[in-house]
Amino acid sequence: LSLGNTLGEVAREMGLSVNTVKTHVKNVYARL
C-alpha cells in the first residue's frame, strides 16, 4: 500500500481476496 497499490492490486499480487486485504489493513490501523 505504501507503494501506491490499491486494495485490489494488493489482493491480486498476494493471491488474497479484497476482503482479506481489508481485514489486514483494519488490523494494521488498530495495532498502530
Full PDB file with SEQRES, HELIX, SHEET, SSBOND, CRYST1, ORIGX, SCALE, CONECT and MASTER records, all heavy atoms in Angstrom:
SEQRES   1 A   32  LEU SER LEU GLY ASN THR LEU GLY GLU VAL ALA ARG GLU          
SEQRES   2 A   32  MET GLY LEU SER VAL ASN THR VAL LYS THR HIS VAL LYS          
SEQRES   3 A   32  ASN VAL TYR ALA ARG LEU                                      
HELIX    1 AA1 LEU A    7  MET A   14  1                                   8    
HELIX    2 AA2 VAL A   18  ARG A   31  1                                  14    
CRYST1    1.000    1.000    1.000  90.00  90.00  90.00 P 1           1          
ORIGX1      1.000000  0.000000  0.000000        0.00000                         
ORIGX2      0.000000  1.000000  0.000000        0.00000                         
ORIGX3      0.000000  0.000000  1.000000        0.00000                         
SCALE1      1.000000  0.000000  0.000000        0.00000                         
SCALE2      0.000000  1.000000  0.000000        0.00000                         
SCALE3      0.000000  0.000000  1.000000        0.00000                         
ATOM      1  N   LEU A   1       0.828  -1.208   0.000  1.00  0.00           N  
ATOM      2  CA  LEU A   1       0.000   0.000   0.000  1.00  0.00           C  
ATOM      3  C   LEU A   1       0.860   1.254   0.000  1.00  0.00           C  
ATOM      4  O   LEU A   1       0.513   2.258  -0.624  1.00  0.00           O  
ATOM      5  CB  LEU A   1      -0.946  -0.002   1.201  1.00  0.00           C  
ATOM      6  CG  LEU A   1      -2.077  -1.023   1.166  1.00  0.00           C  
ATOM      7  CD1 LEU A   1      -2.839  -1.003   2.477  1.00  0.00           C  
ATOM      8  CD2 LEU A   1      -3.007  -0.786  -0.011  1.00  0.00           C  
ATOM      9  N   SER A   2       2.009   1.200   0.685  1.00  0.00           N  
ATOM     10  CA  SER A   2       2.890   2.363   0.750  1.00  0.00           C  
ATOM     11  C   SER A   2       3.482   2.697  -0.616  1.00  0.00           C  
ATOM     12  O   SER A   2       3.913   3.820  -0.858  1.00  0.00           O  
ATOM     13  CB  SER A   2       4.014   2.150   1.771  1.00  0.00           C  
ATOM     14  OG  SER A   2       4.995   1.259   1.268  1.00  0.00           O  
ATOM     15  N   LEU A   3       3.491   1.711  -1.515  1.00  0.00           N  
ATOM     16  CA  LEU A   3       3.993   1.919  -2.876  1.00  0.00           C  
ATOM     17  C   LEU A   3       2.912   2.442  -3.813  1.00  0.00           C  
ATOM     18  O   LEU A   3       3.149   2.635  -4.996  1.00  0.00           O  
ATOM     19  CB  LEU A   3       4.582   0.610  -3.419  1.00  0.00           C  
ATOM     20  CG  LEU A   3       5.800   0.101  -2.658  1.00  0.00           C  
ATOM     21  CD1 LEU A   3       6.178  -1.289  -3.141  1.00  0.00           C  
ATOM     22  CD2 LEU A   3       6.966   1.064  -2.809  1.00  0.00           C  
ATOM     23  N   GLY A   4       1.713   2.659  -3.269  1.00  0.00           N  
ATOM     24  CA  GLY A   4       0.629   3.234  -4.051  1.00  0.00           C  
ATOM     25  C   GLY A   4      -0.322   2.222  -4.658  1.00  0.00           C  
ATOM     26  O   GLY A   4      -1.184   2.588  -5.446  1.00  0.00           O  
ATOM     27  N   ASN A   5      -0.174   0.966  -4.316  1.00  0.00           N  
ATOM     28  CA  ASN A   5      -1.080  -0.058  -4.837  1.00  0.00           C  
ATOM     29  C   ASN A   5      -2.463   0.078  -4.221  1.00  0.00           C  
ATOM     30  O   ASN A   5      -2.595   0.458  -3.061  1.00  0.00           O  
ATOM     31  CB  ASN A   5      -0.540  -1.463  -4.546  1.00  0.00           C  
ATOM     32  CG  ASN A   5       0.731  -1.764  -5.301  1.00  0.00           C  
ATOM     33  OD1 ASN A   5       0.893  -1.356  -6.448  1.00  0.00           O  
ATOM     34  ND2 ASN A   5       1.637  -2.461  -4.666  1.00  0.00           N  
ATOM     35  N   THR A   6      -3.486  -0.254  -4.991  1.00  0.00           N  
ATOM     36  CA  THR A   6      -4.847  -0.259  -4.475  1.00  0.00           C  
ATOM     37  C   THR A   6      -5.086  -1.557  -3.719  1.00  0.00           C  
ATOM     38  O   THR A   6      -4.290  -2.497  -3.817  1.00  0.00           O  
ATOM     39  CB  THR A   6      -5.876  -0.158  -5.617  1.00  0.00           C  
ATOM     40  OG1 THR A   6      -5.776  -1.344  -6.421  1.00  0.00           O  
ATOM     41  CG2 THR A   6      -5.650   1.085  -6.469  1.00  0.00           C  
ATOM     42  N   LEU A   7      -6.200  -1.633  -3.006  1.00  0.00           N  
ATOM     43  CA  LEU A   7      -6.546  -2.863  -2.302  1.00  0.00           C  
ATOM     44  C   LEU A   7      -6.672  -4.024  -3.286  1.00  0.00           C  
ATOM     45  O   LEU A   7      -6.226  -5.135  -3.007  1.00  0.00           O  
ATOM     46  CB  LEU A   7      -7.842  -2.689  -1.512  1.00  0.00           C  
ATOM     47  CG  LEU A   7      -7.809  -1.699  -0.353  1.00  0.00           C  
ATOM     48  CD1 LEU A   7      -9.204  -1.540   0.233  1.00  0.00           C  
ATOM     49  CD2 LEU A   7      -6.829  -2.134   0.710  1.00  0.00           C  
ATOM     50  N   GLY A   8      -7.274  -3.769  -4.433  1.00  0.00           N  
ATOM     51  CA  GLY A   8      -7.435  -4.804  -5.445  1.00  0.00           C  
ATOM     52  C   GLY A   8      -6.102  -5.289  -5.989  1.00  0.00           C  
ATOM     53  O   GLY A   8      -5.904  -6.491  -6.202  1.00  0.00           O  
ATOM     54  N   GLU A   9      -5.187  -4.363  -6.228  1.00  0.00           N  
ATOM     55  CA  GLU A   9      -3.860  -4.746  -6.722  1.00  0.00           C  
ATOM     56  C   GLU A   9      -3.109  -5.579  -5.687  1.00  0.00           C  
ATOM     57  O   GLU A   9      -2.466  -6.574  -6.027  1.00  0.00           O  
ATOM     58  CB  GLU A   9      -3.054  -3.499  -7.091  1.00  0.00           C  
ATOM     59  CG  GLU A   9      -3.581  -2.775  -8.310  1.00  0.00           C  
ATOM     60  CD  GLU A   9      -2.977  -1.396  -8.510  1.00  0.00           C  
ATOM     61  OE1 GLU A   9      -2.425  -0.819  -7.543  1.00  0.00           O  
ATOM     62  OE2 GLU A   9      -3.071  -0.894  -9.638  1.00  0.00           O  
ATOM     63  N   VAL A  10      -3.193  -5.155  -4.430  1.00  0.00           N  
ATOM     64  CA  VAL A  10      -2.538  -5.907  -3.356  1.00  0.00           C  
ATOM     65  C   VAL A  10      -3.131  -7.311  -3.284  1.00  0.00           C  
ATOM     66  O   VAL A  10      -2.398  -8.303  -3.181  1.00  0.00           O  
ATOM     67  CB  VAL A  10      -2.668  -5.183  -2.001  1.00  0.00           C  
ATOM     68  CG1 VAL A  10      -2.168  -6.061  -0.870  1.00  0.00           C  
ATOM     69  CG2 VAL A  10      -1.910  -3.859  -2.026  1.00  0.00           C  
ATOM     70  N   ALA A  11      -4.448  -7.405  -3.367  1.00  0.00           N  
ATOM     71  CA  ALA A  11      -5.116  -8.703  -3.299  1.00  0.00           C  
ATOM     72  C   ALA A  11      -4.648  -9.615  -4.434  1.00  0.00           C  
ATOM     73  O   ALA A  11      -4.302 -10.781  -4.202  1.00  0.00           O  
ATOM     74  CB  ALA A  11      -6.633  -8.515  -3.355  1.00  0.00           C  
ATOM     75  N   ARG A  12      -4.598  -9.077  -5.656  1.00  0.00           N  
ATOM     76  CA  ARG A  12      -4.159  -9.896  -6.796  1.00  0.00           C  
ATOM     77  C   ARG A  12      -2.707 -10.323  -6.640  1.00  0.00           C  
ATOM     78  O   ARG A  12      -2.369 -11.489  -6.868  1.00  0.00           O  
ATOM     79  CB  ARG A  12      -4.333  -9.112  -8.102  1.00  0.00           C  
ATOM     80  CG  ARG A  12      -5.735  -9.167  -8.658  1.00  0.00           C  
ATOM     81  CD  ARG A  12      -5.821  -8.580 -10.045  1.00  0.00           C  
ATOM     82  NE  ARG A  12      -5.466  -7.169 -10.112  1.00  0.00           N  
ATOM     83  CZ  ARG A  12      -6.270  -6.162  -9.782  1.00  0.00           C  
ATOM     84  NH1 ARG A  12      -7.492  -6.425  -9.350  1.00  0.00           N  
ATOM     85  NH2 ARG A  12      -5.879  -4.920  -9.882  1.00  0.00           N  
ATOM     86  N   GLU A  13      -1.831  -9.398  -6.246  1.00  0.00           N  
ATOM     87  CA  GLU A  13      -0.408  -9.707  -6.098  1.00  0.00           C  
ATOM     88  C   GLU A  13      -0.160 -10.772  -5.037  1.00  0.00           C  
ATOM     89  O   GLU A  13       0.748 -11.582  -5.159  1.00  0.00           O  
ATOM     90  CB  GLU A  13       0.375  -8.446  -5.730  1.00  0.00           C  
ATOM     91  CG  GLU A  13       0.482  -7.438  -6.841  1.00  0.00           C  
ATOM     92  CD  GLU A  13       1.128  -6.135  -6.394  1.00  0.00           C  
ATOM     93  OE1 GLU A  13       1.600  -6.042  -5.248  1.00  0.00           O  
ATOM     94  OE2 GLU A  13       1.159  -5.195  -7.210  1.00  0.00           O  
ATOM     95  N   MET A  14      -0.962 -10.742  -3.977  1.00  0.00           N  
ATOM     96  CA  MET A  14      -0.749 -11.659  -2.862  1.00  0.00           C  
ATOM     97  C   MET A  14      -1.622 -12.910  -2.937  1.00  0.00           C  
ATOM     98  O   MET A  14      -1.509 -13.791  -2.086  1.00  0.00           O  
ATOM     99  CB  MET A  14      -0.991 -10.918  -1.540  1.00  0.00           C  
ATOM    100  CG  MET A  14      -0.011  -9.784  -1.307  1.00  0.00           C  
ATOM    101  SD  MET A  14      -0.290  -8.910   0.257  1.00  0.00           S  
ATOM    102  CE  MET A  14       0.233 -10.165   1.430  1.00  0.00           C  
ATOM    103  N   GLY A  15      -2.505 -12.978  -3.929  1.00  0.00           N  
ATOM    104  CA  GLY A  15      -3.383 -14.132  -4.057  1.00  0.00           C  
ATOM    105  C   GLY A  15      -4.440 -14.200  -2.960  1.00  0.00           C  
ATOM    106  O   GLY A  15      -4.803 -15.288  -2.502  1.00  0.00           O  
ATOM    107  N   LEU A  16      -4.917 -13.024  -2.541  1.00  0.00           N  
ATOM    108  CA  LEU A  16      -5.915 -12.926  -1.478  1.00  0.00           C  
ATOM    109  C   LEU A  16      -7.176 -12.276  -2.018  1.00  0.00           C  
ATOM    110  O   LEU A  16      -7.167 -11.655  -3.081  1.00  0.00           O  
ATOM    111  CB  LEU A  16      -5.377 -12.072  -0.323  1.00  0.00           C  
ATOM    112  CG  LEU A  16      -4.065 -12.493   0.323  1.00  0.00           C  
ATOM    113  CD1 LEU A  16      -3.588 -11.420   1.282  1.00  0.00           C  
ATOM    114  CD2 LEU A  16      -4.241 -13.819   1.036  1.00  0.00           C  
ATOM    115  N   SER A  17      -8.256 -12.365  -1.271  1.00  0.00           N  
ATOM    116  CA  SER A  17      -9.458 -11.621  -1.628  1.00  0.00           C  
ATOM    117  C   SER A  17      -9.302 -10.182  -1.145  1.00  0.00           C  
ATOM    118  O   SER A  17      -8.521  -9.896  -0.234  1.00  0.00           O  
ATOM    119  CB  SER A  17     -10.700 -12.256  -0.996  1.00  0.00           C  
ATOM    120  OG  SER A  17     -10.747 -11.969   0.391  1.00  0.00           O  
ATOM    121  N   VAL A  18     -10.058  -9.296  -1.763  1.00  0.00           N  
ATOM    122  CA  VAL A  18     -10.023  -7.895  -1.345  1.00  0.00           C  
ATOM    123  C   VAL A  18     -10.477  -7.778   0.110  1.00  0.00           C  
ATOM    124  O   VAL A  18      -9.911  -6.989   0.878  1.00  0.00           O  
ATOM    125  CB  VAL A  18     -10.894  -7.017  -2.275  1.00  0.00           C  
ATOM    126  CG1 VAL A  18     -10.998  -5.593  -1.750  1.00  0.00           C  
ATOM    127  CG2 VAL A  18     -10.319  -7.010  -3.690  1.00  0.00           C  
ATOM    128  N   ASN A  19     -11.464  -8.578   0.502  1.00  0.00           N  
ATOM    129  CA  ASN A  19     -11.937  -8.524   1.893  1.00  0.00           C  
ATOM    130  C   ASN A  19     -10.853  -8.942   2.876  1.00  0.00           C  
ATOM    131  O   ASN A  19     -10.756  -8.381   3.968  1.00  0.00           O  
ATOM    132  CB  ASN A  19     -13.189  -9.381   2.076  1.00  0.00           C  
ATOM    133  CG  ASN A  19     -14.417  -8.705   1.503  1.00  0.00           C  
ATOM    134  OD1 ASN A  19     -14.476  -7.491   1.420  1.00  0.00           O  
ATOM    135  ND2 ASN A  19     -15.384  -9.494   1.092  1.00  0.00           N  
ATOM    136  N   THR A  20     -10.029  -9.904   2.511  1.00  0.00           N  
ATOM    137  CA  THR A  20      -8.928 -10.316   3.385  1.00  0.00           C  
ATOM    138  C   THR A  20      -7.919  -9.183   3.523  1.00  0.00           C  
ATOM    139  O   THR A  20      -7.437  -8.905   4.623  1.00  0.00           O  
ATOM    140  CB  THR A  20      -8.251 -11.588   2.841  1.00  0.00           C  
ATOM    141  OG1 THR A  20      -9.222 -12.632   2.801  1.00  0.00           O  
ATOM    142  CG2 THR A  20      -7.080 -12.007   3.712  1.00  0.00           C  
ATOM    143  N   VAL A  21      -7.619  -8.510   2.419  1.00  0.00           N  
ATOM    144  CA  VAL A  21      -6.691  -7.367   2.467  1.00  0.00           C  
ATOM    145  C   VAL A  21      -7.283  -6.269   3.344  1.00  0.00           C  
ATOM    146  O   VAL A  21      -6.581  -5.670   4.162  1.00  0.00           O  
ATOM    147  CB  VAL A  21      -6.367  -6.849   1.048  1.00  0.00           C  
ATOM    148  CG1 VAL A  21      -5.555  -5.565   1.111  1.00  0.00           C  
ATOM    149  CG2 VAL A  21      -5.627  -7.908   0.251  1.00  0.00           C  
ATOM    150  N   LYS A  22      -8.579  -6.014   3.208  1.00  0.00           N  
ATOM    151  CA  LYS A  22      -9.239  -5.002   4.047  1.00  0.00           C  
ATOM    152  C   LYS A  22      -9.113  -5.356   5.524  1.00  0.00           C  
ATOM    153  O   LYS A  22      -8.891  -4.474   6.366  1.00  0.00           O  
ATOM    154  CB  LYS A  22     -10.719  -4.869   3.678  1.00  0.00           C  
ATOM    155  CG  LYS A  22     -10.975  -4.162   2.384  1.00  0.00           C  
ATOM    156  CD  LYS A  22     -12.471  -4.103   2.105  1.00  0.00           C  
ATOM    157  CE  LYS A  22     -12.779  -3.449   0.786  1.00  0.00           C  
ATOM    158  NZ  LYS A  22     -14.228  -3.411   0.505  1.00  0.00           N  
ATOM    159  N   THR A  23      -9.250  -6.638   5.843  1.00  0.00           N  
ATOM    160  CA  THR A  23      -9.106  -7.080   7.236  1.00  0.00           C  
ATOM    161  C   THR A  23      -7.695  -6.831   7.731  1.00  0.00           C  
ATOM    162  O   THR A  23      -7.495  -6.349   8.849  1.00  0.00           O  
ATOM    163  CB  THR A  23      -9.473  -8.571   7.369  1.00  0.00           C  
ATOM    164  OG1 THR A  23     -10.841  -8.735   6.988  1.00  0.00           O  
ATOM    165  CG2 THR A  23      -9.266  -9.066   8.791  1.00  0.00           C  
ATOM    166  N   HIS A  24      -6.693  -7.125   6.900  1.00  0.00           N  
ATOM    167  CA  HIS A  24      -5.311  -6.864   7.291  1.00  0.00           C  
ATOM    168  C   HIS A  24      -5.087  -5.368   7.523  1.00  0.00           C  
ATOM    169  O   HIS A  24      -4.442  -4.972   8.494  1.00  0.00           O  
ATOM    170  CB  HIS A  24      -4.328  -7.382   6.245  1.00  0.00           C  
ATOM    171  CG  HIS A  24      -4.202  -8.866   6.212  1.00  0.00           C  
ATOM    172  ND1 HIS A  24      -3.925  -9.627   7.329  1.00  0.00           N  
ATOM    173  CD2 HIS A  24      -4.311  -9.745   5.186  1.00  0.00           C  
ATOM    174  CE1 HIS A  24      -3.867 -10.899   6.990  1.00  0.00           C  
ATOM    175  NE2 HIS A  24      -4.112 -11.002   5.695  1.00  0.00           N  
ATOM    176  N   VAL A  25      -5.641  -4.543   6.648  1.00  0.00           N  
ATOM    177  CA  VAL A  25      -5.497  -3.083   6.791  1.00  0.00           C  
ATOM    178  C   VAL A  25      -6.168  -2.623   8.083  1.00  0.00           C  
ATOM    179  O   VAL A  25      -5.602  -1.816   8.834  1.00  0.00           O  
ATOM    180  CB  VAL A  25      -6.074  -2.347   5.562  1.00  0.00           C  
ATOM    181  CG1 VAL A  25      -6.120  -0.843   5.794  1.00  0.00           C  
ATOM    182  CG2 VAL A  25      -5.245  -2.668   4.319  1.00  0.00           C  
ATOM    183  N   LYS A  26      -7.349  -3.137   8.360  1.00  0.00           N  
ATOM    184  CA  LYS A  26      -8.062  -2.788   9.595  1.00  0.00           C  
ATOM    185  C   LYS A  26      -7.223  -3.158  10.824  1.00  0.00           C  
ATOM    186  O   LYS A  26      -7.108  -2.379  11.775  1.00  0.00           O  
ATOM    187  CB  LYS A  26      -9.412  -3.511   9.628  1.00  0.00           C  
ATOM    188  CG  LYS A  26     -10.258  -3.231  10.837  1.00  0.00           C  
ATOM    189  CD  LYS A  26     -11.594  -3.944  10.705  1.00  0.00           C  
ATOM    190  CE  LYS A  26     -11.747  -4.862  11.876  1.00  0.00           C  
ATOM    191  NZ  LYS A  26     -12.966  -5.649  11.854  1.00  0.00           N  
ATOM    192  N   ASN A  27      -6.602  -4.343  10.784  1.00  0.00           N  
ATOM    193  CA  ASN A  27      -5.749  -4.776  11.891  1.00  0.00           C  
ATOM    194  C   ASN A  27      -4.508  -3.899  12.033  1.00  0.00           C  
ATOM    195  O   ASN A  27      -4.084  -3.586  13.148  1.00  0.00           O  
ATOM    196  CB  ASN A  27      -5.350  -6.239  11.716  1.00  0.00           C  
ATOM    197  CG  ASN A  27      -6.529  -7.183  11.854  1.00  0.00           C  
ATOM    198  OD1 ASN A  27      -7.545  -6.845  12.458  1.00  0.00           O  
ATOM    199  ND2 ASN A  27      -6.401  -8.353  11.273  1.00  0.00           N  
ATOM    200  N   VAL A  28      -3.931  -3.486  10.903  1.00  0.00           N  
ATOM    201  CA  VAL A  28      -2.779  -2.582  10.928  1.00  0.00           C  
ATOM    202  C   VAL A  28      -3.170  -1.269  11.602  1.00  0.00           C  
ATOM    203  O   VAL A  28      -2.459  -0.768  12.475  1.00  0.00           O  
ATOM    204  CB  VAL A  28      -2.232  -2.321   9.509  1.00  0.00           C  
ATOM    205  CG1 VAL A  28      -1.257  -1.152   9.494  1.00  0.00           C  
ATOM    206  CG2 VAL A  28      -1.568  -3.563   8.953  1.00  0.00           C  
ATOM    207  N   TYR A  29      -4.308  -0.709  11.195  1.00  0.00           N  
ATOM    208  CA  TYR A  29      -4.772   0.541  11.799  1.00  0.00           C  
ATOM    209  C   TYR A  29      -4.920   0.395  13.309  1.00  0.00           C  
ATOM    210  O   TYR A  29      -4.510   1.276  14.067  1.00  0.00           O  
ATOM    211  CB  TYR A  29      -6.123   0.965  11.219  1.00  0.00           C  
ATOM    212  CG  TYR A  29      -6.110   1.491   9.804  1.00  0.00           C  
ATOM    213  CD1 TYR A  29      -4.964   1.495   9.014  1.00  0.00           C  
ATOM    214  CD2 TYR A  29      -7.270   1.989   9.238  1.00  0.00           C  
ATOM    215  CE1 TYR A  29      -4.989   1.977   7.724  1.00  0.00           C  
ATOM    216  CE2 TYR A  29      -7.302   2.480   7.944  1.00  0.00           C  
ATOM    217  CZ  TYR A  29      -6.161   2.471   7.190  1.00  0.00           C  
ATOM    218  OH  TYR A  29      -6.189   2.959   5.917  1.00  0.00           O  
ATOM    219  N   ALA A  30      -5.506  -0.709  13.736  1.00  0.00           N  
ATOM    220  CA  ALA A  30      -5.721  -0.922  15.165  1.00  0.00           C  
ATOM    221  C   ALA A  30      -4.393  -1.074  15.908  1.00  0.00           C  
ATOM    222  O   ALA A  30      -4.199  -0.482  16.976  1.00  0.00           O  
ATOM    223  CB  ALA A  30      -6.597  -2.153  15.391  1.00  0.00           C  
ATOM    224  N   ARG A  31      -3.480  -1.853  15.356  1.00  0.00           N  
ATOM    225  CA  ARG A  31      -2.196  -2.080  16.020  1.00  0.00           C  
ATOM    226  C   ARG A  31      -1.356  -0.805  16.104  1.00  0.00           C  
ATOM    227  O   ARG A  31      -0.637  -0.590  17.078  1.00  0.00           O  
ATOM    228  CB  ARG A  31      -1.394  -3.152  15.296  1.00  0.00           C  
ATOM    229  CG  ARG A  31      -1.951  -4.540  15.455  1.00  0.00           C  
ATOM    230  CD  ARG A  31      -1.107  -5.522  14.653  1.00  0.00           C  
ATOM    231  NE  ARG A  31      -1.715  -6.815  14.554  1.00  0.00           N  
ATOM    232  CZ  ARG A  31      -1.434  -7.820  15.363  1.00  0.00           C  
ATOM    233  NH1 ARG A  31      -0.565  -7.675  16.322  1.00  0.00           N  
ATOM    234  NH2 ARG A  31      -2.027  -8.979  15.195  1.00  0.00           N  
ATOM    235  N   LEU A  32      -1.443   0.031  15.062  1.00  0.00           N  
ATOM    236  CA  LEU A  32      -0.650   1.269  15.036  1.00  0.00           C  
ATOM    237  C   LEU A  32      -1.419   2.466  15.593  1.00  0.00           C  
ATOM    238  O   LEU A  32      -0.872   3.562  15.687  1.00  0.00           O  
ATOM    239  CB  LEU A  32      -0.182   1.569  13.604  1.00  0.00           C  
ATOM    240  CG  LEU A  32       0.719   0.513  12.966  1.00  0.00           C  
ATOM    241  CD1 LEU A  32       1.086   0.935  11.542  1.00  0.00           C  
ATOM    242  CD2 LEU A  32       1.967   0.275  13.797  1.00  0.00           C  
TER     243      LEU A  32                                                      
MASTER        0    0    0    2    0    0    0    6  242    1    0    3          
END                                                                             
